[in-house]
Amino acid sequence: MHEMVPEGRSDDPTRGDDDPITMLYIDGDRLILTHYCDSGKNRPRMAGRLSPDGKAVEFDFLDVSGGTAYGHVHHAVFT
């Protein structure tokens, strides 16, 4: 699980802030990412692949649950 907490703000869970959460998990032979938007409007899924230099995992869009009227994430990189 990865929670996106804005820089400079405490990550104290008692604050009640709704930050985006990203879950990473293995599904068969793929590394899958599901991003839970802080607006609660959508949940895009992406499949990961190792970058050519082996220092990052890049995720490319698979599909999305929920509405897309307010946009959604298409790509992510974790180093």
N, C-alpha and C. Protein backbone atom coordinates (compact mmCIF):
# COMPACT_ATOMS: atom_id res chain seq x y z
N MET A 1 0.85 -1.18 0.00
CA MET A 1 0.00 0.00 0.00
C MET A 1 0.89 1.24 0.00
N HIS A 2 0.52 2.22 -0.80
CA HIS A 2 1.22 3.50 -0.85
C HIS A 2 0.17 4.60 -0.69
N GLU A 3 0.36 5.45 0.33
CA GLU A 3 -0.56 6.57 0.54
C GLU A 3 0.16 7.86 0.18
N MET A 4 -0.46 8.67 -0.67
CA MET A 4 0.14 9.93 -1.11
C MET A 4 -0.24 11.03 -0.12
N VAL A 5 0.74 11.42 0.72
CA VAL A 5 0.54 12.47 1.71
C VAL A 5 1.28 13.71 1.22
N PRO A 6 0.61 14.85 1.10
CA PRO A 6 1.28 16.06 0.63
C PRO A 6 2.49 16.42 1.47
N GLU A 7 3.54 16.89 0.83
CA GLU A 7 4.77 17.27 1.51
C GLU A 7 4.48 18.34 2.56
N GLY A 8 5.07 18.16 3.73
CA GLY A 8 4.91 19.14 4.80
C GLY A 8 3.74 18.88 5.73
N ARG A 9 2.84 17.98 5.33
CA ARG A 9 1.69 17.68 6.20
C ARG A 9 1.98 16.42 6.99
N SER A 10 1.58 16.42 8.23
CA SER A 10 1.76 15.25 9.08
C SER A 10 1.00 14.07 8.50
N ASP A 11 1.57 12.87 8.65
CA ASP A 11 0.85 11.68 8.20
C ASP A 11 0.09 11.02 9.35
N ASP A 12 -0.31 11.83 10.31
CA ASP A 12 -1.08 11.38 11.47
C ASP A 12 -2.44 10.86 11.00
N PRO A 13 -2.72 9.56 11.20
CA PRO A 13 -3.98 8.98 10.71
C PRO A 13 -5.22 9.50 11.42
N THR A 14 -5.09 10.17 12.55
CA THR A 14 -6.26 10.68 13.27
C THR A 14 -6.79 11.97 12.66
N ARG A 15 -6.06 12.55 11.67
CA ARG A 15 -6.50 13.81 11.05
C ARG A 15 -7.77 13.63 10.22
N GLY A 16 -7.99 12.44 9.69
CA GLY A 16 -9.20 12.19 8.91
C GLY A 16 -9.11 12.65 7.47
N ASP A 17 -7.92 13.02 6.99
CA ASP A 17 -7.77 13.44 5.59
C ASP A 17 -7.92 12.24 4.67
N ASP A 18 -8.52 12.46 3.51
CA ASP A 18 -8.69 11.40 2.52
C ASP A 18 -7.64 11.58 1.43
N ASP A 19 -6.53 10.89 1.57
CA ASP A 19 -5.47 10.94 0.58
C ASP A 19 -5.60 9.76 -0.37
N PRO A 20 -5.10 9.91 -1.61
CA PRO A 20 -5.15 8.79 -2.55
C PRO A 20 -4.35 7.61 -2.02
N ILE A 21 -4.86 6.41 -2.23
CA ILE A 21 -4.17 5.18 -1.84
C ILE A 21 -3.96 4.34 -3.09
N THR A 22 -2.77 3.78 -3.20
CA THR A 22 -2.44 2.90 -4.31
C THR A 22 -2.06 1.55 -3.75
N MET A 23 -2.71 0.52 -4.23
CA MET A 23 -2.41 -0.86 -3.82
C MET A 23 -1.63 -1.54 -4.94
N LEU A 24 -0.57 -2.26 -4.56
CA LEU A 24 0.25 -3.02 -5.50
C LEU A 24 0.14 -4.49 -5.12
N TYR A 25 -0.06 -5.36 -6.11
CA TYR A 25 -0.21 -6.77 -5.80
C TYR A 25 0.15 -7.62 -7.02
N ILE A 26 0.47 -8.87 -6.76
CA ILE A 26 0.79 -9.83 -7.82
C ILE A 26 -0.49 -10.51 -8.25
N ASP A 27 -0.71 -10.57 -9.55
CA ASP A 27 -1.87 -11.26 -10.14
C ASP A 27 -1.32 -12.16 -11.24
N GLY A 28 -1.18 -13.44 -10.92
CA GLY A 28 -0.56 -14.36 -11.88
C GLY A 28 0.91 -14.00 -12.06
N ASP A 29 1.29 -13.66 -13.29
CA ASP A 29 2.68 -13.29 -13.57
C ASP A 29 2.86 -11.78 -13.74
N ARG A 30 1.86 -10.99 -13.30
CA ARG A 30 1.92 -9.53 -13.46
C ARG A 30 1.90 -8.82 -12.12
N LEU A 31 2.56 -7.67 -12.07
CA LEU A 31 2.45 -6.77 -10.93
C LEU A 31 1.38 -5.75 -11.29
N ILE A 32 0.32 -5.70 -10.48
CA ILE A 32 -0.83 -4.84 -10.77
C ILE A 32 -0.89 -3.72 -9.74
N LEU A 33 -1.31 -2.55 -10.19
CA LEU A 33 -1.52 -1.39 -9.34
C LEU A 33 -2.99 -0.99 -9.48
N THR A 34 -3.66 -0.77 -8.36
CA THR A 34 -4.99 -0.17 -8.36
C THR A 34 -4.91 1.11 -7.56
N HIS A 35 -5.29 2.21 -8.19
CA HIS A 35 -5.22 3.53 -7.55
C HIS A 35 -6.63 3.93 -7.10
N TYR A 36 -6.77 4.18 -5.81
CA TYR A 36 -8.05 4.60 -5.25
C TYR A 36 -8.02 6.12 -5.09
N CYS A 37 -8.67 6.81 -6.00
CA CYS A 37 -8.68 8.27 -6.05
C CYS A 37 -9.25 8.85 -4.77
N ASP A 38 -8.68 9.97 -4.31
CA ASP A 38 -9.18 10.60 -3.09
C ASP A 38 -10.59 11.16 -3.25
N SER A 39 -11.01 11.37 -4.48
CA SER A 39 -12.39 11.85 -4.70
C SER A 39 -13.39 10.70 -4.61
N GLY A 40 -12.90 9.47 -4.67
CA GLY A 40 -13.78 8.31 -4.61
C GLY A 40 -14.53 8.05 -5.90
N LYS A 41 -14.16 8.74 -6.98
CA LYS A 41 -14.89 8.65 -8.24
C LYS A 41 -14.43 7.51 -9.15
N ASN A 42 -13.17 7.07 -9.02
CA ASN A 42 -12.70 6.02 -9.92
C ASN A 42 -11.54 5.22 -9.32
N ARG A 43 -11.25 4.09 -9.97
CA ARG A 43 -10.19 3.19 -9.55
C ARG A 43 -9.48 2.64 -10.78
N PRO A 44 -8.50 3.36 -11.33
CA PRO A 44 -7.77 2.84 -12.47
C PRO A 44 -6.83 1.70 -12.06
N ARG A 45 -6.67 0.74 -12.99
CA ARG A 45 -5.72 -0.36 -12.80
C ARG A 45 -4.63 -0.25 -13.85
N MET A 46 -3.41 -0.61 -13.45
CA MET A 46 -2.27 -0.57 -14.35
C MET A 46 -1.40 -1.80 -14.14
N ALA A 47 -0.69 -2.19 -15.19
CA ALA A 47 0.23 -3.32 -15.12
C ALA A 47 1.66 -2.79 -15.12
N GLY A 48 2.51 -3.36 -14.28
CA GLY A 48 3.87 -2.90 -14.13
C GLY A 48 4.86 -3.63 -15.02
N ARG A 49 5.94 -2.92 -15.32
CA ARG A 49 7.08 -3.50 -16.04
C ARG A 49 8.33 -2.82 -15.53
N LEU A 50 9.41 -3.56 -15.47
CA LEU A 50 10.69 -3.03 -15.01
C LEU A 50 11.26 -2.09 -16.05
N SER A 51 11.79 -0.94 -15.63
CA SER A 51 12.40 0.00 -16.56
C SER A 51 13.68 -0.62 -17.14
N PRO A 52 14.13 -0.14 -18.29
CA PRO A 52 15.33 -0.70 -18.92
C PRO A 52 16.57 -0.69 -18.02
N ASP A 53 16.71 0.32 -17.16
CA ASP A 53 17.88 0.37 -16.28
C ASP A 53 17.68 -0.42 -14.99
N GLY A 54 16.48 -1.00 -14.78
CA GLY A 54 16.20 -1.82 -13.60
C GLY A 54 16.02 -1.04 -12.31
N LYS A 55 15.92 0.28 -12.40
CA LYS A 55 15.82 1.10 -11.19
C LYS A 55 14.41 1.59 -10.88
N ALA A 56 13.46 1.25 -11.71
CA ALA A 56 12.09 1.71 -11.50
C ALA A 56 11.11 0.68 -12.05
N VAL A 57 9.89 0.75 -11.57
CA VAL A 57 8.80 -0.03 -12.14
C VAL A 57 7.82 0.97 -12.73
N GLU A 58 7.53 0.82 -14.03
CA GLU A 58 6.60 1.70 -14.72
C GLU A 58 5.28 0.97 -14.89
N PHE A 59 4.19 1.69 -14.66
CA PHE A 59 2.86 1.11 -14.74
C PHE A 59 2.08 1.76 -15.88
N ASP A 60 1.48 0.92 -16.73
CA ASP A 60 0.69 1.39 -17.86
C ASP A 60 -0.77 1.00 -17.67
N PHE A 61 -1.65 1.87 -18.10
CA PHE A 61 -3.10 1.76 -17.94
C PHE A 61 -3.66 0.46 -18.51
N LEU A 62 -4.53 -0.19 -17.74
CA LEU A 62 -5.29 -1.36 -18.20
C LEU A 62 -6.76 -1.01 -18.38
N ASP A 63 -7.39 -0.54 -17.28
CA ASP A 63 -8.81 -0.21 -17.32
C ASP A 63 -9.15 0.64 -16.10
N VAL A 64 -10.42 1.06 -16.01
CA VAL A 64 -10.84 1.89 -14.89
C VAL A 64 -12.27 1.51 -14.48
N SER A 65 -12.50 1.48 -13.17
CA SER A 65 -13.85 1.32 -12.63
C SER A 65 -14.31 2.68 -12.16
N GLY A 66 -15.57 2.96 -12.37
CA GLY A 66 -16.11 4.24 -11.95
C GLY A 66 -16.07 5.26 -13.07
N GLY A 67 -16.49 6.45 -12.77
CA GLY A 67 -16.57 7.51 -13.77
C GLY A 67 -15.22 8.11 -14.12
N THR A 68 -15.14 8.69 -15.31
CA THR A 68 -13.91 9.32 -15.76
C THR A 68 -14.13 10.81 -16.09
N ALA A 69 -15.25 11.37 -15.70
CA ALA A 69 -15.55 12.76 -16.02
C ALA A 69 -14.53 13.73 -15.44
N TYR A 70 -13.91 13.38 -14.33
CA TYR A 70 -12.93 14.26 -13.69
C TYR A 70 -11.50 13.81 -13.96
N GLY A 71 -11.32 12.91 -14.92
CA GLY A 71 -9.99 12.42 -15.25
C GLY A 71 -9.59 11.24 -14.39
N HIS A 72 -8.49 10.62 -14.76
CA HIS A 72 -7.94 9.51 -13.98
C HIS A 72 -6.48 9.30 -14.37
N VAL A 73 -5.77 8.56 -13.55
CA VAL A 73 -4.35 8.29 -13.75
C VAL A 73 -4.18 7.27 -14.88
N HIS A 74 -3.23 7.55 -15.78
CA HIS A 74 -2.94 6.63 -16.89
C HIS A 74 -1.58 5.95 -16.77
N HIS A 75 -0.69 6.53 -15.98
CA HIS A 75 0.69 6.05 -15.92
C HIS A 75 1.27 6.39 -14.55
N ALA A 76 2.10 5.52 -14.02
CA ALA A 76 2.77 5.77 -12.75
C ALA A 76 4.16 5.14 -12.79
N VAL A 77 5.07 5.73 -12.02
CA VAL A 77 6.44 5.20 -11.93
C VAL A 77 6.83 5.19 -10.45
N PHE A 78 7.35 4.07 -10.01
CA PHE A 78 7.91 3.95 -8.65
C PHE A 78 9.38 3.63 -8.78
N THR A 79 10.22 4.42 -8.10
CA THR A 79 11.67 4.17 -8.14
C THR A 79 12.14 3.62 -6.83
